[in-house]
Protein backbone atom coordinates (compact mmCIF):
# COMPACT_ATOMS: atom_id res chain seq x y z
CA UNK A 1 -19.50 6.02 -12.27
CA UNK A 2 -17.49 5.47 -9.14
CA UNK A 3 -13.75 5.19 -8.70
CA UNK A 4 -11.96 1.89 -8.28
CA UNK A 5 -10.62 1.29 -4.76
CA UNK A 6 -8.19 -1.62 -4.19
CA UNK A 7 -8.65 -3.18 -0.83
CA UNK A 8 -5.94 -5.82 -0.60
CA UNK A 9 -4.99 -9.43 -1.10
CA UNK A 10 -7.15 -12.52 -0.73
CA UNK A 11 -5.15 -14.02 2.08
CA UNK A 12 -6.51 -17.55 1.55
CA UNK A 13 -5.43 -17.44 -2.08
CA UNK A 14 -2.06 -16.07 -1.16
CA UNK A 15 -1.53 -18.82 1.41
CA UNK A 16 -2.46 -21.49 -1.21
CA UNK A 17 -0.16 -19.86 -3.84
CA UNK A 18 2.73 -19.87 -1.34
CA UNK A 19 2.11 -23.49 -0.41
CA UNK A 20 2.04 -24.50 -4.05
CA UNK A 21 5.31 -22.68 -4.58
CA UNK A 22 6.90 -24.54 -1.68
CA UNK A 23 7.37 -21.39 0.31
CA UNK A 24 7.15 -21.88 4.09
CA UNK A 25 5.05 -19.11 5.58
CA UNK A 26 6.77 -17.92 8.68
CA UNK A 27 5.88 -14.82 10.76
CA UNK A 28 8.70 -12.90 8.93
CA UNK A 29 7.56 -13.97 5.44
CA UNK A 30 3.97 -12.94 6.35
CA UNK A 31 5.16 -9.53 7.68
CA UNK A 32 7.06 -8.95 4.54
CA UNK A 33 4.06 -9.79 2.35
CA UNK A 34 1.92 -7.35 4.42
CA UNK A 35 4.52 -4.57 3.89
CA UNK A 36 4.49 -5.24 0.13
CA UNK A 37 0.71 -5.24 0.10
CA UNK A 38 0.54 -1.92 1.97
CA UNK A 39 2.99 -0.29 -0.44
CA UNK A 40 1.11 -1.68 -3.46
CA UNK A 41 -2.24 -0.41 -2.04
CA UNK A 42 -0.83 3.01 -1.41
CA UNK A 43 0.38 3.22 -5.00
CA UNK A 44 -2.76 1.73 -6.56
CA UNK A 45 -5.14 3.97 -4.54
CA UNK A 46 -3.31 7.19 -5.22
CA UNK A 47 -5.31 10.09 -6.60
CA UNK A 48 -4.46 10.54 -10.25
């Protein structure tokens, strides 16, 4: 069996979720989300 590889967020779903939460998506908010995503991907895809 192959390994699991995480590839990232579904940006359409993220946008919908933020809209439903009443969060205005500014360039700064989007940049912060991308940084969080990158850190999570690094952690999730680490060799164990």
